[in-house]
Amino acid sequence: MRSLFYPLTLASLFGLVVGFLSVTALLPELSPEGIEISQAEYGDQWPFAIQQGQLRCEGAGAVILTAGGQDYGVNGMAGGRYASIKPVLKSTGDPSIDIGSIISRGLTLCNW
């Protein structure tokens, strides 16, 4: 029985590795720079005082906006590692400013 167990275990592990590599080969390559987003694209729903920026997602869901060479944490997962997004928002006192669509779009870059 022991002599049969070892080859089956190796074959199972080999199958798992080959399966994993096959699936990852089919996934699209994401640019580490992310995607360009702009006011022209969002119109009146654009929540930022800047005209455009690079949006990316890191790790398990940290959404980051890069504008003018500065990285800003868009959501809570990115907030602890990057500068606050507040300085680039249209108005910090306006309750109608909604960055939810920006966060959602950023999370799609992490395949959420």
N, C-alpha and C. Protein backbone atom coordinates (compact mmCIF):
# COMPACT_ATOMS: atom_id res chain seq x y z
N MET A 1 0.82 -1.19 0.00
CA MET A 1 0.00 0.00 0.00
C MET A 1 0.87 1.26 0.00
N ARG A 2 1.94 1.24 0.78
CA ARG A 2 2.82 2.40 0.87
C ARG A 2 3.47 2.70 -0.48
N SER A 3 3.81 1.68 -1.22
CA SER A 3 4.47 1.90 -2.50
C SER A 3 3.52 2.56 -3.51
N LEU A 4 2.23 2.40 -3.38
CA LEU A 4 1.25 3.02 -4.27
C LEU A 4 0.94 4.46 -3.84
N PHE A 5 1.02 4.74 -2.56
CA PHE A 5 0.68 6.06 -2.01
C PHE A 5 1.63 7.14 -2.52
N TYR A 6 2.90 6.91 -2.52
CA TYR A 6 3.90 7.91 -2.91
C TYR A 6 3.73 8.36 -4.37
N PRO A 7 3.63 7.45 -5.34
CA PRO A 7 3.43 7.90 -6.73
C PRO A 7 2.12 8.65 -6.93
N LEU A 8 1.06 8.25 -6.23
CA LEU A 8 -0.21 8.95 -6.36
C LEU A 8 -0.12 10.36 -5.79
N THR A 9 0.59 10.52 -4.70
CA THR A 9 0.77 11.84 -4.10
C THR A 9 1.56 12.74 -5.04
N LEU A 10 2.64 12.24 -5.60
CA LEU A 10 3.43 13.02 -6.55
C LEU A 10 2.62 13.39 -7.78
N ALA A 11 1.84 12.46 -8.29
CA ALA A 11 1.02 12.72 -9.47
C ALA A 11 -0.04 13.79 -9.16
N SER A 12 -0.62 13.74 -7.98
CA SER A 12 -1.61 14.73 -7.59
C SER A 12 -0.99 16.12 -7.47
N LEU A 13 0.15 16.21 -6.84
CA LEU A 13 0.84 17.50 -6.71
C LEU A 13 1.23 18.05 -8.07
N PHE A 14 1.73 17.18 -8.93
CA PHE A 14 2.10 17.60 -10.27
C PHE A 14 0.88 18.14 -11.02
N GLY A 15 -0.24 17.46 -10.90
CA GLY A 15 -1.48 17.89 -11.54
C GLY A 15 -1.95 19.25 -11.04
N LEU A 16 -1.84 19.48 -9.74
CA LEU A 16 -2.22 20.77 -9.17
C LEU A 16 -1.33 21.90 -9.69
N VAL A 17 -0.04 21.66 -9.75
CA VAL A 17 0.89 22.68 -10.23
C VAL A 17 0.63 22.99 -11.69
N VAL A 18 0.47 21.97 -12.51
CA VAL A 18 0.20 22.18 -13.94
C VAL A 18 -1.13 22.91 -14.13
N GLY A 19 -2.13 22.54 -13.37
CA GLY A 19 -3.43 23.22 -13.45
C GLY A 19 -3.33 24.68 -13.06
N PHE A 20 -2.63 24.96 -12.00
CA PHE A 20 -2.46 26.35 -11.56
C PHE A 20 -1.73 27.16 -12.62
N LEU A 21 -0.65 26.62 -13.16
CA LEU A 21 0.11 27.34 -14.19
C LEU A 21 -0.72 27.57 -15.44
N SER A 22 -1.57 26.62 -15.79
CA SER A 22 -2.44 26.77 -16.96
C SER A 22 -3.42 27.91 -16.77
N VAL A 23 -4.01 27.99 -15.59
CA VAL A 23 -4.98 29.05 -15.32
C VAL A 23 -4.30 30.41 -15.31
N THR A 24 -3.15 30.53 -14.66
CA THR A 24 -2.48 31.83 -14.60
C THR A 24 -1.99 32.27 -15.97
N ALA A 25 -1.70 31.34 -16.86
CA ALA A 25 -1.28 31.70 -18.21
C ALA A 25 -2.42 32.31 -19.00
N LEU A 26 -3.66 31.98 -18.65
CA LEU A 26 -4.82 32.50 -19.36
C LEU A 26 -5.25 33.88 -18.87
N LEU A 27 -4.81 34.27 -17.68
CA LEU A 27 -5.20 35.56 -17.12
C LEU A 27 -4.49 36.69 -17.85
N PRO A 28 -5.17 37.82 -18.07
CA PRO A 28 -4.51 38.94 -18.75
C PRO A 28 -3.45 39.57 -17.86
N GLU A 29 -2.42 40.06 -18.49
CA GLU A 29 -1.36 40.77 -17.76
C GLU A 29 -1.87 42.16 -17.41
N LEU A 30 -1.77 42.54 -16.16
CA LEU A 30 -2.15 43.88 -15.75
C LEU A 30 -0.92 44.76 -15.67
N SER A 31 -1.07 45.96 -16.15
CA SER A 31 0.03 46.90 -16.09
C SER A 31 0.22 47.35 -14.65
N PRO A 32 1.47 47.36 -14.14
CA PRO A 32 1.69 47.83 -12.78
C PRO A 32 1.36 49.31 -12.63
N GLU A 33 1.30 50.02 -13.75
CA GLU A 33 0.97 51.44 -13.72
C GLU A 33 -0.53 51.67 -13.62
N GLY A 34 -1.33 50.66 -13.94
CA GLY A 34 -2.78 50.79 -13.87
C GLY A 34 -3.36 51.36 -15.14
N ILE A 35 -4.43 52.15 -14.97
CA ILE A 35 -5.12 52.74 -16.12
C ILE A 35 -5.24 54.25 -15.94
N GLU A 36 -5.35 54.94 -17.04
CA GLU A 36 -5.53 56.39 -17.03
C GLU A 36 -7.02 56.68 -16.85
N ILE A 37 -7.37 57.56 -15.91
CA ILE A 37 -8.75 58.02 -15.77
C ILE A 37 -8.73 59.54 -15.86
N SER A 38 -9.85 60.12 -16.33
CA SER A 38 -9.85 61.58 -16.52
C SER A 38 -11.23 62.18 -16.29
N GLN A 39 -11.23 63.49 -16.14
CA GLN A 39 -12.47 64.23 -15.96
C GLN A 39 -13.34 64.11 -17.21
N ALA A 40 -12.73 64.09 -18.38
CA ALA A 40 -13.47 63.96 -19.63
C ALA A 40 -14.29 62.67 -19.65
N GLU A 41 -13.77 61.64 -19.06
CA GLU A 41 -14.44 60.33 -19.02
C GLU A 41 -15.63 60.32 -18.05
N TYR A 42 -15.51 61.01 -16.92
CA TYR A 42 -16.54 60.98 -15.88
C TYR A 42 -17.49 62.17 -15.90
N GLY A 43 -17.15 63.22 -16.59
CA GLY A 43 -18.01 64.40 -16.67
C GLY A 43 -18.26 65.03 -15.31
N ASP A 44 -19.53 65.33 -15.02
CA ASP A 44 -19.90 65.98 -13.75
C ASP A 44 -19.69 65.08 -12.54
N GLN A 45 -19.54 63.79 -12.76
CA GLN A 45 -19.33 62.85 -11.67
C GLN A 45 -17.87 62.75 -11.24
N TRP A 46 -16.98 63.49 -11.89
CA TRP A 46 -15.55 63.48 -11.57
C TRP A 46 -15.35 64.11 -10.20
N PRO A 47 -14.83 63.37 -9.23
CA PRO A 47 -14.75 63.88 -7.86
C PRO A 47 -13.47 64.65 -7.52
N PHE A 48 -12.57 64.81 -8.48
CA PHE A 48 -11.25 65.37 -8.17
C PHE A 48 -11.05 66.78 -8.72
N ALA A 49 -10.17 67.51 -8.08
CA ALA A 49 -9.78 68.85 -8.53
C ALA A 49 -8.73 68.77 -9.64
N ILE A 50 -8.13 67.63 -9.82
CA ILE A 50 -7.15 67.39 -10.88
C ILE A 50 -7.89 66.95 -12.14
N GLN A 51 -7.26 67.02 -13.29
CA GLN A 51 -7.90 66.68 -14.56
C GLN A 51 -7.81 65.19 -14.91
N GLN A 52 -6.74 64.53 -14.44
CA GLN A 52 -6.53 63.12 -14.77
C GLN A 52 -5.57 62.49 -13.79
N GLY A 53 -5.48 61.16 -13.84
CA GLY A 53 -4.55 60.43 -13.00
C GLY A 53 -4.47 58.98 -13.42
N GLN A 54 -3.54 58.27 -12.82
CA GLN A 54 -3.37 56.83 -13.05
C GLN A 54 -3.99 56.10 -11.87
N LEU A 55 -4.88 55.17 -12.15
CA LEU A 55 -5.55 54.39 -11.12
C LEU A 55 -4.99 52.97 -11.16
N ARG A 56 -4.64 52.44 -9.99
CA ARG A 56 -4.14 51.07 -9.93
C ARG A 56 -4.62 50.42 -8.65
N CYS A 57 -4.47 49.10 -8.62
CA CYS A 57 -4.84 48.33 -7.45
C CYS A 57 -3.66 47.46 -7.06
N GLU A 58 -3.35 47.44 -5.79
CA GLU A 58 -2.23 46.64 -5.29
C GLU A 58 -2.74 45.64 -4.27
N GLY A 59 -2.09 44.49 -4.27
CA GLY A 59 -2.39 43.47 -3.27
C GLY A 59 -3.82 43.01 -3.29
N ALA A 60 -4.42 42.93 -2.12
CA ALA A 60 -5.77 42.38 -1.97
C ALA A 60 -6.86 43.42 -2.14
N GLY A 61 -6.53 44.62 -2.61
CA GLY A 61 -7.58 45.61 -2.84
C GLY A 61 -7.24 47.03 -2.44
N ALA A 62 -5.98 47.40 -2.42
CA ALA A 62 -5.60 48.77 -2.13
C ALA A 62 -5.65 49.57 -3.42
N VAL A 63 -6.59 50.54 -3.51
CA VAL A 63 -6.76 51.35 -4.71
C VAL A 63 -5.98 52.65 -4.55
N ILE A 64 -5.12 52.93 -5.54
CA ILE A 64 -4.22 54.08 -5.49
C ILE A 64 -4.42 54.94 -6.72
N LEU A 65 -4.44 56.25 -6.53
CA LEU A 65 -4.48 57.21 -7.62
C LEU A 65 -3.15 57.95 -7.63
N THR A 66 -2.50 57.98 -8.79
CA THR A 66 -1.26 58.73 -8.93
C THR A 66 -1.54 59.96 -9.79
N ALA A 67 -1.21 61.13 -9.23
CA ALA A 67 -1.40 62.39 -9.95
C ALA A 67 -0.25 63.33 -9.59
N GLY A 68 0.33 63.92 -10.61
CA GLY A 68 1.44 64.84 -10.37
C GLY A 68 2.61 64.20 -9.65
N GLY A 69 2.84 62.92 -9.89
CA GLY A 69 3.95 62.22 -9.26
C GLY A 69 3.70 61.78 -7.82
N GLN A 70 2.51 62.04 -7.30
CA GLN A 70 2.16 61.69 -5.91
C GLN A 70 1.15 60.55 -5.91
N ASP A 71 1.34 59.58 -5.03
CA ASP A 71 0.39 58.48 -4.85
C ASP A 71 -0.57 58.82 -3.72
N TYR A 72 -1.88 58.60 -3.99
CA TYR A 72 -2.92 58.86 -2.99
C TYR A 72 -3.71 57.58 -2.74
N GLY A 73 -3.99 57.29 -1.49
CA GLY A 73 -4.80 56.14 -1.14
C GLY A 73 -6.27 56.49 -1.34
N VAL A 74 -6.93 55.79 -2.25
CA VAL A 74 -8.32 56.08 -2.56
C VAL A 74 -9.28 55.40 -1.58
N ASN A 75 -8.95 54.18 -1.17
CA ASN A 75 -9.83 53.47 -0.24
C ASN A 75 -9.10 53.18 1.07
N GLY A 76 -9.80 52.60 2.00
CA GLY A 76 -9.24 52.33 3.32
C GLY A 76 -8.03 51.43 3.31
N MET A 77 -8.03 50.45 2.40
CA MET A 77 -6.90 49.52 2.34
C MET A 77 -5.60 50.22 1.92
N ALA A 78 -5.72 51.31 1.17
CA ALA A 78 -4.54 52.03 0.71
C ALA A 78 -4.23 53.23 1.62
N GLY A 79 -5.20 53.63 2.43
CA GLY A 79 -5.06 54.83 3.24
C GLY A 79 -3.89 54.83 4.21
N GLY A 80 -3.55 53.68 4.75
CA GLY A 80 -2.46 53.62 5.72
C GLY A 80 -1.08 53.69 5.11
N ARG A 81 -0.98 53.39 3.82
CA ARG A 81 0.34 53.36 3.17
C ARG A 81 0.59 54.54 2.25
N TYR A 82 -0.47 55.27 1.88
CA TYR A 82 -0.33 56.36 0.92
C TYR A 82 -0.94 57.64 1.48
N ALA A 83 -0.62 58.75 0.85
CA ALA A 83 -1.16 60.05 1.27
C ALA A 83 -2.68 60.05 1.14
N SER A 84 -3.33 60.85 1.95
CA SER A 84 -4.78 60.98 1.92
C SER A 84 -5.25 61.51 0.57
N ILE A 85 -6.39 61.04 0.11
CA ILE A 85 -6.97 61.48 -1.16
C ILE A 85 -7.61 62.87 -1.03
N LYS A 86 -7.86 63.34 0.19
CA LYS A 86 -8.59 64.59 0.42
C LYS A 86 -8.00 65.81 -0.29
N PRO A 87 -6.69 65.99 -0.36
CA PRO A 87 -6.16 67.19 -1.02
C PRO A 87 -6.49 67.29 -2.52
N VAL A 88 -6.81 66.18 -3.17
CA VAL A 88 -7.11 66.25 -4.60
C VAL A 88 -8.61 66.14 -4.89
N LEU A 89 -9.45 66.07 -3.85
CA LEU A 89 -10.90 66.08 -4.07
C LEU A 89 -11.36 67.48 -4.43
N LYS A 90 -12.46 67.60 -5.14
CA LYS A 90 -12.99 68.90 -5.55
C LYS A 90 -13.19 69.82 -4.36
N SER A 91 -13.89 69.31 -3.35
CA SER A 91 -14.15 70.09 -2.15
C SER A 91 -14.35 69.12 -1.01
N THR A 92 -13.57 69.27 0.04
CA THR A 92 -13.66 68.32 1.16
C THR A 92 -14.96 68.47 1.94
N GLY A 93 -15.69 69.59 1.78
CA GLY A 93 -16.93 69.79 2.52
C GLY A 93 -18.18 69.45 1.74
N ASP A 94 -18.06 69.08 0.48
CA ASP A 94 -19.22 68.80 -0.36
C ASP A 94 -19.67 67.35 -0.18
N PRO A 95 -20.86 67.12 0.40
CA PRO A 95 -21.32 65.74 0.63
C PRO A 95 -21.70 65.01 -0.65
N SER A 96 -21.86 65.74 -1.76
CA SER A 96 -22.25 65.08 -3.00
C SER A 96 -21.07 64.43 -3.72
N ILE A 97 -19.87 64.69 -3.25
CA ILE A 97 -18.69 64.07 -3.87
C ILE A 97 -18.68 62.59 -3.50
N ASP A 98 -18.67 61.75 -4.53
CA ASP A 98 -18.72 60.31 -4.34
C ASP A 98 -17.56 59.68 -5.11
N ILE A 99 -16.68 59.02 -4.37
CA ILE A 99 -15.56 58.34 -5.03
C ILE A 99 -15.81 56.84 -5.16
N GLY A 100 -17.05 56.42 -4.89
CA GLY A 100 -17.40 55.01 -4.98
C GLY A 100 -17.15 54.41 -6.35
N SER A 101 -17.47 55.16 -7.41
CA SER A 101 -17.25 54.63 -8.76
C SER A 101 -15.76 54.49 -9.06
N ILE A 102 -14.95 55.37 -8.49
CA ILE A 102 -13.50 55.29 -8.68
C ILE A 102 -12.95 54.07 -7.94
N ILE A 103 -13.43 53.87 -6.71
CA ILE A 103 -13.00 52.70 -5.93
C ILE A 103 -13.40 51.41 -6.64
N SER A 104 -14.64 51.35 -7.11
CA SER A 104 -15.11 50.15 -7.83
C SER A 104 -14.25 49.86 -9.05
N ARG A 105 -13.96 50.90 -9.79
CA ARG A 105 -13.14 50.70 -10.99
C ARG A 105 -11.74 50.25 -10.62
N GLY A 106 -11.19 50.81 -9.56
CA GLY A 106 -9.86 50.40 -9.10
C GLY A 106 -9.84 48.95 -8.66
N LEU A 107 -10.90 48.51 -7.98
CA LEU A 107 -10.96 47.13 -7.51
C LEU A 107 -11.05 46.14 -8.67
N THR A 108 -11.63 46.56 -9.79
CA THR A 108 -11.67 45.66 -10.94
C THR A 108 -10.25 45.36 -11.45
N LEU A 109 -9.33 46.26 -11.17
CA LEU A 109 -7.93 46.04 -11.57
C LEU A 109 -7.29 44.94 -10.73
N CYS A 110 -7.87 44.65 -9.56
CA CYS A 110 -7.40 43.55 -8.72
C CYS A 110 -8.27 42.32 -8.93
N ASN A 111 -9.05 42.33 -10.01
CA ASN A 111 -9.93 41.21 -10.35
C ASN A 111 -11.00 40.94 -9.30
N TRP A 112 -11.54 42.00 -8.71
CA TRP A 112 -12.64 41.85 -7.75
C TRP A 112 -13.93 41.74 -8.50
